Amino acid sequence: MTSKQRAYLKSLAMTMDPIFQIGKSSVTPELITAIQEALTARELIKVSVLQNCGDDPKAIAEILAERTHSQVVQVIGKKIVLYKEGKDDKKRIELPL
């Protein structure tokens, strides 16, 4: 992913609300499955790490990206943005070259 594409995805994510929250149980198999389904449906999602989660948000982002075969767009504070290119051409986010 180029820096131009990453910047474009960051701009899209700015207006989004987090659709998942990671709490004290941290990363669970059920969470991974739910995030995979959301990435398939939306391509770009935002995840919030709650205060009671003891793990580092950057480490959580890397784990989520690895297990869902997605890419980390950004981690700011306790917010994680993930992107996975979709298979449906009609819903696909067009990235700049």
PDB file of N, CA and C in Angstrom:
ATOM      1  N   MET A   1       0.851  -1.172   0.000  1.00  0.00           N
ATOM      2  CA  MET A   1       0.000   0.000   0.000  1.00  0.00           C
ATOM      3  C   MET A   1       0.899   1.239   0.000  1.00  0.00           C
ATOM      4  N   THR A   2       0.622   2.138  -0.908  1.00  0.00           N
ATOM      5  CA  THR A   2       1.434   3.348  -0.999  1.00  0.00           C
ATOM      6  C   THR A   2       0.983   4.368   0.052  1.00  0.00           C
ATOM      7  N   SER A   3       1.808   5.374   0.273  1.00  0.00           N
ATOM      8  CA  SER A   3       1.457   6.400   1.259  1.00  0.00           C
ATOM      9  C   SER A   3       0.237   7.213   0.793  1.00  0.00           C
ATOM     10  N   LYS A   4       0.093   7.358  -0.512  1.00  0.00           N
ATOM     11  CA  LYS A   4      -1.069   8.066  -1.058  1.00  0.00           C
ATOM     12  C   LYS A   4      -2.356   7.277  -0.777  1.00  0.00           C
ATOM     13  N   GLN A   5      -2.297   5.963  -0.966  1.00  0.00           N
ATOM     14  CA  GLN A   5      -3.461   5.123  -0.693  1.00  0.00           C
ATOM     15  C   GLN A   5      -3.786   5.128   0.802  1.00  0.00           C
ATOM     16  N   ARG A   6      -2.741   5.056   1.627  1.00  0.00           N
ATOM     17  CA  ARG A   6      -2.940   5.072   3.076  1.00  0.00           C
ATOM     18  C   ARG A   6      -3.582   6.397   3.509  1.00  0.00           C
ATOM     19  N   ALA A   7      -3.135   7.504   2.945  1.00  0.00           N
ATOM     20  CA  ALA A   7      -3.694   8.818   3.280  1.00  0.00           C
ATOM     21  C   ALA A   7      -5.167   8.893   2.874  1.00  0.00           C
ATOM     22  N   TYR A   8      -5.490   8.327   1.719  1.00  0.00           N
ATOM     23  CA  TYR A   8      -6.880   8.322   1.252  1.00  0.00           C
ATOM     24  C   TYR A   8      -7.758   7.520   2.213  1.00  0.00           C
ATOM     25  N   LEU A   9      -7.282   6.354   2.633  1.00  0.00           N
ATOM     26  CA  LEU A   9      -8.053   5.522   3.563  1.00  0.00           C
ATOM     27  C   LEU A   9      -8.191   6.204   4.925  1.00  0.00           C
ATOM     28  N   LYS A  10      -7.151   6.899   5.362  1.00  0.00           N
ATOM     29  CA  LYS A  10      -7.229   7.646   6.621  1.00  0.00           C
ATOM     30  C   LYS A  10      -8.307   8.708   6.539  1.00  0.00           C
ATOM     31  N   SER A  11      -8.393   9.392   5.389  1.00  0.00           N
ATOM     32  CA  SER A  11      -9.406  10.439   5.229  1.00  0.00           C
ATOM     33  C   SER A  11     -10.814   9.847   5.256  1.00  0.00           C
ATOM     34  N   LEU A  12     -10.986   8.664   4.687  1.00  0.00           N
ATOM     35  CA  LEU A  12     -12.292   8.005   4.730  1.00  0.00           C
ATOM     36  C   LEU A  12     -12.643   7.574   6.151  1.00  0.00           C
ATOM     37  N   ALA A  13     -11.640   7.121   6.892  1.00  0.00           N
ATOM     38  CA  ALA A  13     -11.868   6.603   8.242  1.00  0.00           C
ATOM     39  C   ALA A  13     -12.156   7.700   9.264  1.00  0.00           C
ATOM     40  N   MET A  14     -11.759   8.926   8.953  1.00  0.00           N
ATOM     41  CA  MET A  14     -11.962  10.027   9.906  1.00  0.00           C
ATOM     42  C   MET A  14     -13.425  10.199  10.292  1.00  0.00           C
ATOM     43  N   THR A  15     -14.321   9.991   9.363  1.00  0.00           N
ATOM     44  CA  THR A  15     -15.743  10.214   9.627  1.00  0.00           C
ATOM     45  C   THR A  15     -16.451   8.977  10.168  1.00  0.00           C
ATOM     46  N   MET A  16     -15.741   7.861  10.242  1.00  0.00           N
ATOM     47  CA  MET A  16     -16.351   6.606  10.684  1.00  0.00           C
ATOM     48  C   MET A  16     -16.378   6.499  12.200  1.00  0.00           C
ATOM     49  N   ASP A  17     -17.374   5.769  12.702  1.00  0.00           N
ATOM     50  CA  ASP A  17     -17.425   5.425  14.116  1.00  0.00           C
ATOM     51  C   ASP A  17     -16.877   4.004  14.278  1.00  0.00           C
ATOM     52  N   PRO A  18     -16.254   3.704  15.430  1.00  0.00           N
ATOM     53  CA  PRO A  18     -15.780   2.337  15.647  1.00  0.00           C
ATOM     54  C   PRO A  18     -16.950   1.360  15.679  1.00  0.00           C
ATOM     55  N   ILE A  19     -16.792   0.204  15.040  1.00  0.00           N
ATOM     56  CA  ILE A  19     -17.872  -0.784  15.064  1.00  0.00           C
ATOM     57  C   ILE A  19     -17.556  -1.947  16.006  1.00  0.00           C
ATOM     58  N   PHE A  20     -16.323  -2.004  16.517  1.00  0.00           N
ATOM     59  CA  PHE A  20     -15.943  -3.020  17.500  1.00  0.00           C
ATOM     60  C   PHE A  20     -15.221  -2.357  18.651  1.00  0.00           C
ATOM     61  N   GLN A  21     -15.376  -2.948  19.835  1.00  0.00           N
ATOM     62  CA  GLN A  21     -14.645  -2.494  21.005  1.00  0.00           C
ATOM     63  C   GLN A  21     -13.906  -3.684  21.598  1.00  0.00           C
ATOM     64  N   ILE A  22     -12.642  -3.473  21.921  1.00  0.00           N
ATOM     65  CA  ILE A  22     -11.838  -4.536  22.521  1.00  0.00           C
ATOM     66  C   ILE A  22     -11.657  -4.196  23.988  1.00  0.00           C
ATOM     67  N   GLY A  23     -12.109  -5.100  24.858  1.00  0.00           N
ATOM     68  CA  GLY A  23     -12.060  -4.862  26.298  1.00  0.00           C
ATOM     69  C   GLY A  23     -11.026  -5.718  26.985  1.00  0.00           C
ATOM     70  N   LYS A  24     -11.317  -6.083  28.240  1.00  0.00           N
ATOM     71  CA  LYS A  24     -10.326  -6.787  29.051  1.00  0.00           C
ATOM     72  C   LYS A  24     -10.027  -8.190  28.549  1.00  0.00           C
ATOM     73  N   SER A  25     -10.923  -8.803  27.787  1.00  0.00           N
ATOM     74  CA  SER A  25     -10.645 -10.144  27.257  1.00  0.00           C
ATOM     75  C   SER A  25      -9.734 -10.085  26.039  1.00  0.00           C
ATOM     76  N   SER A  26      -9.427  -8.889  25.569  1.00  0.00           N
ATOM     77  CA  SER A  26      -8.515  -8.631  24.453  1.00  0.00           C
ATOM     78  C   SER A  26      -8.980  -9.339  23.184  1.00  0.00           C
ATOM     79  N   VAL A  27      -8.070  -9.977  22.453  1.00  0.00           N
ATOM     80  CA  VAL A  27      -8.399 -10.578  21.158  1.00  0.00           C
ATOM     81  C   VAL A  27      -8.860 -12.021  21.364  1.00  0.00           C
ATOM     82  N   THR A  28     -10.104 -12.300  20.991  1.00  0.00           N
ATOM     83  CA  THR A  28     -10.670 -13.643  21.117  1.00  0.00           C
ATOM     84  C   THR A  28     -10.976 -14.188  19.719  1.00  0.00           C
ATOM     85  N   PRO A  29     -11.103 -15.509  19.592  1.00  0.00           N
ATOM     86  CA  PRO A  29     -11.458 -16.088  18.275  1.00  0.00           C
ATOM     87  C   PRO A  29     -12.786 -15.550  17.738  1.00  0.00           C
ATOM     88  N   GLU A  30     -13.736 -15.278  18.645  1.00  0.00           N
ATOM     89  CA  GLU A  30     -15.027 -14.750  18.213  1.00  0.00           C
ATOM     90  C   GLU A  30     -14.873 -13.341  17.624  1.00  0.00           C
ATOM     91  N   LEU A  31     -14.004 -12.540  18.248  1.00  0.00           N
ATOM     92  CA  LEU A  31     -13.740 -11.191  17.754  1.00  0.00           C
ATOM     93  C   LEU A  31     -13.097 -11.236  16.369  1.00  0.00           C
ATOM     94  N   ILE A  32     -12.152 -12.145  16.189  1.00  0.00           N
ATOM     95  CA  ILE A  32     -11.483 -12.296  14.887  1.00  0.00           C
ATOM     96  C   ILE A  32     -12.506 -12.635  13.808  1.00  0.00           C
ATOM     97  N   THR A  33     -13.396 -13.578  14.098  1.00  0.00           N
ATOM     98  CA  THR A  33     -14.427 -13.978  13.138  1.00  0.00           C
ATOM     99  C   THR A  33     -15.333 -12.800  12.791  1.00  0.00           C
ATOM    100  N   ALA A  34     -15.752 -12.047  13.807  1.00  0.00           N
ATOM    101  CA  ALA A  34     -16.643 -10.909  13.579  1.00  0.00           C
ATOM    102  C   ALA A  34     -15.945  -9.828  12.742  1.00  0.00           C
ATOM    103  N   ILE A  35     -14.676  -9.578  13.019  1.00  0.00           N
ATOM    104  CA  ILE A  35     -13.929  -8.571  12.267  1.00  0.00           C
ATOM    105  C   ILE A  35     -13.725  -9.021  10.817  1.00  0.00           C
ATOM    106  N   GLN A  36     -13.468 -10.313  10.608  1.00  0.00           N
ATOM    107  CA  GLN A  36     -13.330 -10.827   9.240  1.00  0.00           C
ATOM    108  C   GLN A  36     -14.611 -10.600   8.448  1.00  0.00           C
ATOM    109  N   GLU A  37     -15.755 -10.885   9.076  1.00  0.00           N
ATOM    110  CA  GLU A  37     -17.037 -10.692   8.398  1.00  0.00           C
ATOM    111  C   GLU A  37     -17.276  -9.211   8.083  1.00  0.00           C
ATOM    112  N   ALA A  38     -16.924  -8.332   9.016  1.00  0.00           N
ATOM    113  CA  ALA A  38     -17.110  -6.898   8.801  1.00  0.00           C
ATOM    114  C   ALA A  38     -16.201  -6.391   7.686  1.00  0.00           C
ATOM    115  N   LEU A  39     -14.964  -6.875   7.641  1.00  0.00           N
ATOM    116  CA  LEU A  39     -14.042  -6.468   6.583  1.00  0.00           C
ATOM    117  C   LEU A  39     -14.522  -6.942   5.217  1.00  0.00           C
ATOM    118  N   THR A  40     -15.123  -8.123   5.163  1.00  0.00           N
ATOM    119  CA  THR A  40     -15.670  -8.632   3.906  1.00  0.00           C
ATOM    120  C   THR A  40     -16.817  -7.744   3.436  1.00  0.00           C
ATOM    121  N   ALA A  41     -17.619  -7.291   4.374  1.00  0.00           N
ATOM    122  CA  ALA A  41     -18.781  -6.470   4.024  1.00  0.00           C
ATOM    123  C   ALA A  41     -18.417  -5.017   3.730  1.00  0.00           C
ATOM    124  N   ARG A  42     -17.426  -4.456   4.451  1.00  0.00           N
ATOM    125  CA  ARG A  42     -17.163  -3.021   4.370  1.00  0.00           C
ATOM    126  C   ARG A  42     -15.810  -2.626   3.806  1.00  0.00           C
ATOM    127  N   GLU A  43     -14.827  -3.478   3.864  1.00  0.00           N
ATOM    128  CA  GLU A  43     -13.439  -3.228   3.453  1.00  0.00           C
ATOM    129  C   GLU A  43     -12.665  -2.378   4.447  1.00  0.00           C
ATOM    130  N   LEU A  44     -13.259  -1.329   4.994  1.00  0.00           N
ATOM    131  CA  LEU A  44     -12.562  -0.417   5.901  1.00  0.00           C
ATOM    132  C   LEU A  44     -13.351  -0.329   7.204  1.00  0.00           C
ATOM    133  N   ILE A  45     -12.698  -0.653   8.335  1.00  0.00           N
ATOM    134  CA  ILE A  45     -13.385  -0.596   9.626  1.00  0.00           C
ATOM    135  C   ILE A  45     -12.510   0.090  10.661  1.00  0.00           C
ATOM    136  N   LYS A  46     -13.170   0.580  11.695  1.00  0.00           N
ATOM    137  CA  LYS A  46     -12.472   1.207  12.812  1.00  0.00           C
ATOM    138  C   LYS A  46     -12.809   0.412  14.074  1.00  0.00           C
ATOM    139  N   VAL A  47     -11.775   0.159  14.895  1.00  0.00           N
ATOM    140  CA  VAL A  47     -11.917  -0.611  16.119  1.00  0.00           C
ATOM    141  C   VAL A  47     -11.413   0.251  17.270  1.00  0.00           C
ATOM    142  N   SER A  48     -12.128   0.213  18.381  1.00  0.00           N
ATOM    143  CA  SER A  48     -11.743   0.982  19.562  1.00  0.00           C
ATOM    144  C   SER A  48     -11.225   0.031  20.641  1.00  0.00           C
ATOM    145  N   VAL A  49     -10.116   0.403  21.276  1.00  0.00           N
ATOM    146  CA  VAL A  49      -9.570  -0.367  22.390  1.00  0.00           C
ATOM    147  C   VAL A  49      -9.965   0.356  23.670  1.00  0.00           C
ATOM    148  N   LEU A  50     -10.686  -0.345  24.542  1.00  0.00           N
ATOM    149  CA  LEU A  50     -11.182   0.289  25.761  1.00  0.00           C
ATOM    150  C   LEU A  50     -10.077   0.450  26.807  1.00  0.00           C
ATOM    151  N   GLN A  51     -10.342   1.300  27.797  1.00  0.00           N
ATOM    152  CA  GLN A  51      -9.358   1.580  28.843  1.00  0.00           C
ATOM    153  C   GLN A  51      -8.994   0.340  29.664  1.00  0.00           C
ATOM    154  N   ASN A  52      -9.975  -0.591  29.838  1.00  0.00           N
ATOM    155  CA  ASN A  52      -9.710  -1.757  30.682  1.00  0.00           C
ATOM    156  C   ASN A  52      -8.921  -2.856  29.961  1.00  0.00           C
ATOM    157  N   CYS A  53      -8.539  -2.623  28.723  1.00  0.00           N
ATOM    158  CA  CYS A  53      -7.699  -3.574  27.991  1.00  0.00           C
ATOM    159  C   CYS A  53      -6.241  -3.248  28.300  1.00  0.00           C
ATOM    160  N   GLY A  54      -5.510  -4.227  28.818  1.00  0.00           N
ATOM    161  CA  GLY A  54      -4.126  -3.996  29.225  1.00  0.00           C
ATOM    162  C   GLY A  54      -3.116  -4.082  28.094  1.00  0.00           C
ATOM    163  N   ASP A  55      -3.540  -4.532  26.921  1.00  0.00           N
ATOM    164  CA  ASP A  55      -2.606  -4.724  25.811  1.00  0.00           C
ATOM    165  C   ASP A  55      -2.381  -3.424  25.033  1.00  0.00           C
ATOM    166  N   ASP A  56      -1.245  -3.361  24.357  1.00  0.00           N
ATOM    167  CA  ASP A  56      -0.882  -2.200  23.546  1.00  0.00           C
ATOM    168  C   ASP A  56      -1.712  -2.183  22.257  1.00  0.00           C
ATOM    169  N   PRO A  57      -2.358  -1.059  21.921  1.00  0.00           N
ATOM    170  CA  PRO A  57      -3.171  -0.993  20.694  1.00  0.00           C
ATOM    171  C   PRO A  57      -2.392  -1.334  19.421  1.00  0.00           C
ATOM    172  N   LYS A  58      -1.111  -0.952  19.343  1.00  0.00           N
ATOM    173  CA  LYS A  58      -0.323  -1.276  18.151  1.00  0.00           C
ATOM    174  C   LYS A  58      -0.111  -2.779  18.023  1.00  0.00           C
ATOM    175  N   ALA A  59       0.111  -3.454  19.144  1.00  0.00           N
ATOM    176  CA  ALA A  59       0.278  -4.907  19.130  1.00  0.00           C
ATOM    177  C   ALA A  59      -1.032  -5.588  18.744  1.00  0.00           C
ATOM    178  N   ILE A  60      -2.140  -5.080  19.273  1.00  0.00           N
ATOM    179  CA  ILE A  60      -3.453  -5.630  18.928  1.00  0.00           C
ATOM    180  C   ILE A  60      -3.722  -5.447  17.441  1.00  0.00           C
ATOM    181  N   ALA A  61      -3.378  -4.275  16.900  1.00  0.00           N
ATOM    182  CA  ALA A  61      -3.586  -4.003  15.473  1.00  0.00           C
ATOM    183  C   ALA A  61      -2.814  -4.994  14.610  1.00  0.00           C
ATOM    184  N   GLU A  62      -1.570  -5.277  14.972  1.00  0.00           N
ATOM    185  CA  GLU A  62      -0.760  -6.235  14.210  1.00  0.00           C
ATOM    186  C   GLU A  62      -1.356  -7.642  14.276  1.00  0.00           C
ATOM    187  N   ILE A  63      -1.823  -8.031  15.447  1.00  0.00           N
ATOM    188  CA  ILE A  63      -2.442  -9.359  15.606  1.00  0.00           C
ATOM    189  C   ILE A  63      -3.708  -9.457  14.752  1.00  0.00           C
ATOM    190  N   LEU A  64      -4.552  -8.414  14.827  1.00  0.00           N
ATOM    191  CA  LEU A  64      -5.797  -8.424  14.044  1.00  0.00           C
ATOM    192  C   LEU A  64      -5.505  -8.476  12.548  1.00  0.00           C
ATOM    193  N   ALA A  65      -4.540  -7.684  12.103  1.00  0.00           N
ATOM    194  CA  ALA A  65      -4.207  -7.657  10.675  1.00  0.00           C
ATOM    195  C   ALA A  65      -3.685  -9.012  10.214  1.00  0.00           C
ATOM    196  N   GLU A  66      -2.848  -9.627  11.032  1.00  0.00           N
ATOM    197  CA  GLU A  66      -2.281 -10.928  10.668  1.00  0.00           C
ATOM    198  C   GLU A  66      -3.365 -11.998  10.585  1.00  0.00           C
ATOM    199  N   ARG A  67      -4.243 -12.029  11.575  1.00  0.00           N
ATOM    200  CA  ARG A  67      -5.260 -13.094  11.640  1.00  0.00           C
ATOM    201  C   ARG A  67      -6.425 -12.884  10.683  1.00  0.00           C
ATOM    202  N   THR A  68      -6.670 -11.636  10.259  1.00  0.00           N
ATOM    203  CA  THR A  68      -7.772 -11.377   9.322  1.00  0.00           C
ATOM    204  C   THR A  68      -7.270 -11.158   7.903  1.00  0.00           C
ATOM    205  N   HIS A  69      -5.960 -11.244   7.696  1.00  0.00           N
ATOM    206  CA  HIS A  69      -5.337 -11.023   6.379  1.00  0.00           C
ATOM    207  C   HIS A  69      -5.681  -9.640   5.829  1.00  0.00           C
ATOM    208  N   SER A  70      -5.623  -8.653   6.723  1.00  0.00           N
ATOM    209  CA  SER A  70      -5.910  -7.277   6.339  1.00  0.00           C
ATOM    210  C   SER A  70      -4.665  -6.426   6.567  1.00  0.00           C
ATOM    211  N   GLN A  71      -4.801  -5.116   6.365  1.00  0.00           N
ATOM    212  CA  GLN A  71      -3.691  -4.193   6.554  1.00  0.00           C
ATOM    213  C   GLN A  71      -4.064  -3.141   7.586  1.00  0.00           C
ATOM    214  N   VAL A  72      -3.101  -2.768   8.406  1.00  0.00           N
ATOM    215  CA  VAL A  72      -3.311  -1.705   9.376  1.00  0.00           C
ATOM    216  C   VAL A  72      -3.123  -0.374   8.642  1.00  0.00           C
ATOM    217  N   VAL A  73      -4.161   0.436   8.622  1.00  0.00           N
ATOM    218  CA  VAL A  73      -4.069   1.750   7.988  1.00  0.00           C
ATOM    219  C   VAL A  73      -3.428   2.722   8.969  1.00  0.00           C
ATOM    220  N   GLN A  74      -3.935   2.713  10.206  1.00  0.00           N
ATOM    221  CA  GLN A  74      -3.355   3.590  11.217  1.00  0.00           C
ATOM    222  C   GLN A  74      -3.776   3.149  12.606  1.00  0.00           C
ATOM    223  N   VAL A  75      -2.991   3.543  13.589  1.00  0.00           N
ATOM    224  CA  VAL A  75      -3.331   3.379  14.998  1.00  0.00           C
ATOM    225  C   VAL A  75      -3.095   4.740  15.638  1.00  0.00           C
ATOM    226  N   ILE A  76      -4.165   5.351  16.104  1.00  0.00           N
ATOM    227  CA  ILE A  76      -4.051   6.643  16.789  1.00  0.00           C
ATOM    228  C   ILE A  76      -4.669   6.476  18.171  1.00  0.00           C
ATOM    229  N   GLY A  77      -3.842   6.633  19.187  1.00  0.00           N
ATOM    230  CA  GLY A  77      -4.333   6.450  20.550  1.00  0.00           C
ATOM    231  C   GLY A  77      -4.857   5.043  20.727  1.00  0.00           C
ATOM    232  N   LYS A  78      -6.150   4.930  20.992  1.00  0.00           N
ATOM    233  CA  LYS A  78      -6.763   3.617  21.179  1.00  0.00           C
ATOM    234  C   LYS A  78      -7.736   3.282  20.046  1.00  0.00           C
ATOM    235  N   LYS A  79      -7.524   3.889  18.888  1.00  0.00           N
ATOM    236  CA  LYS A  79      -8.347   3.616  17.703  1.00  0.00           C
ATOM    237  C   LYS A  79      -7.489   2.936  16.639  1.00  0.00           C
ATOM    238  N   ILE A  80      -8.029   1.871  16.066  1.00  0.00           N
ATOM    239  CA  ILE A  80      -7.331   1.092  15.035  1.00  0.00           C
ATOM    240  C   ILE A  80      -8.184   1.129  13.767  1.00  0.00           C
ATOM    241  N   VAL A  81      -7.549   1.371  12.628  1.00  0.00           N
ATOM    242  CA  VAL A  81      -8.254   1.335  11.344  1.00  0.00           C
ATOM    243  C   VAL A  81      -7.641   0.213  10.515  1.00  0.00           C
ATOM    244  N   LEU A  82      -8.506  -0.702  10.042  1.00  0.00           N
ATOM    245  CA  LEU A  82      -8.073  -1.843   9.237  1.00  0.00           C
ATOM    246  C   LEU A  82      -8.703  -1.782   7.855  1.00  0.00           C
ATOM    247  N   TYR A  83      -7.956  -2.270   6.855  1.00  0.00           N
ATOM    248  CA  TYR A  83      -8.450  -2.315   5.472  1.00  0.00           C
ATOM    249  C   TYR A  83      -8.144  -3.673   4.868  1.00  0.00           C
ATOM    250  N   LYS A  84      -9.133  -4.210   4.170  1.00  0.00           N
ATOM    251  CA  LYS A  84      -8.944  -5.443   3.410  1.00  0.00           C
ATOM    252  C   LYS A  84      -9.701  -5.287   2.101  1.00  0.00           C
ATOM    253  N   GLU A  85      -8.983  -5.437   0.995  1.00  0.00           N
ATOM    254  CA  GLU A  85      -9.603  -5.271  -0.320  1.00  0.00           C
ATOM    255  C   GLU A  85     -10.699  -6.309  -0.508  1.00  0.00           C
ATOM    256  N   GLY A  86     -11.867  -5.830  -0.943  1.00  0.00           N
ATOM    257  CA  GLY A  86     -13.012  -6.709  -1.124  1.00  0.00           C
ATOM    258  C   GLY A  86     -13.013  -7.380  -2.484  1.00  0.00           C
ATOM    259  N   LYS A  87     -13.872  -8.386  -2.604  1.00  0.00           N
ATOM    260  CA  LYS A  87     -13.960  -9.135  -3.858  1.00  0.00           C
ATOM    261  C   LYS A  87     -15.071  -8.598  -4.769  1.00  0.00           C
ATOM    262  N   ASP A  88     -16.047  -7.884  -4.185  1.00  0.00           N
ATOM    263  CA  ASP A  88     -17.182  -7.370  -4.948  1.00  0.00           C
ATOM    264  C   ASP A  88     -16.801  -6.038  -5.603  1.00  0.00           C
ATOM    265  N   ASP A  89     -16.774  -6.003  -6.933  1.00  0.00           N
ATOM    266  CA  ASP A  89     -16.363  -4.796  -7.663  1.00  0.00           C
ATOM    267  C   ASP A  89     -17.302  -3.614  -7.427  1.00  0.00           C
ATOM    268  N   LYS A  90     -18.575  -3.876  -7.177  1.00  0.00           N
ATOM    269  CA  LYS A  90     -19.542  -2.786  -7.024  1.00  0.00           C
ATOM    270  C   LYS A  90     -19.331  -2.015  -5.726  1.00  0.00           C
ATOM    271  N   LYS A  91     -18.887  -2.705  -4.669  1.00  0.00           N
ATOM    272  CA  LYS A  91     -18.721  -2.063  -3.369  1.00  0.00           C
ATOM    273  C   LYS A  91     -17.281  -1.684  -3.078  1.00  0.00           C
ATOM    274  N   ARG A  92     -16.371  -2.001  -3.946  1.00  0.00           N
ATOM    275  CA  ARG A  92     -14.939  -1.799  -3.700  1.00  0.00           C
ATOM    276  C   ARG A  92     -14.578  -0.321  -3.586  1.00  0.00           C
ATOM    277  N   ILE A  93     -13.712  -0.016  -2.622  1.00  0.00           N
ATOM    278  CA  ILE A  93     -13.187   1.334  -2.458  1.00  0.00           C
ATOM    279  C   ILE A  93     -12.104   1.520  -3.523  1.00  0.00           C
ATOM    280  N   GLU A  94     -12.251   2.551  -4.336  1.00  0.00           N
ATOM    281  CA  GLU A  94     -11.260   2.821  -5.378  1.00  0.00           C
ATOM    282  C   GLU A  94     -10.091   3.574  -4.781  1.00  0.00           C
ATOM    283  N   LEU A  95      -8.929   2.936  -4.741  1.00  0.00           N
ATOM    284  CA  LEU A  95      -7.736   3.576  -4.195  1.00  0.00           C
ATOM    285  C   LEU A  95      -6.997   4.323  -5.278  1.00  0.00           C
ATOM    286  N   PRO A  96      -6.425   5.481  -4.949  1.00  0.00           N
ATOM    287  CA  PRO A  96      -5.586   6.198  -5.936  1.00  0.00           C
ATOM    288  C   PRO A  96      -4.326   5.402  -6.238  1.00  0.00           C
ATOM    289  N   LEU A  97      -3.773   5.602  -7.422  1.00  0.00           N
ATOM    290  CA  LEU A  97      -2.569   4.853  -7.803  1.00  0.00           C
ATOM    291  C   LEU A  97      -1.329   5.385  -7.181  1.00  0.00           C
TER     292      LEU A  97
END
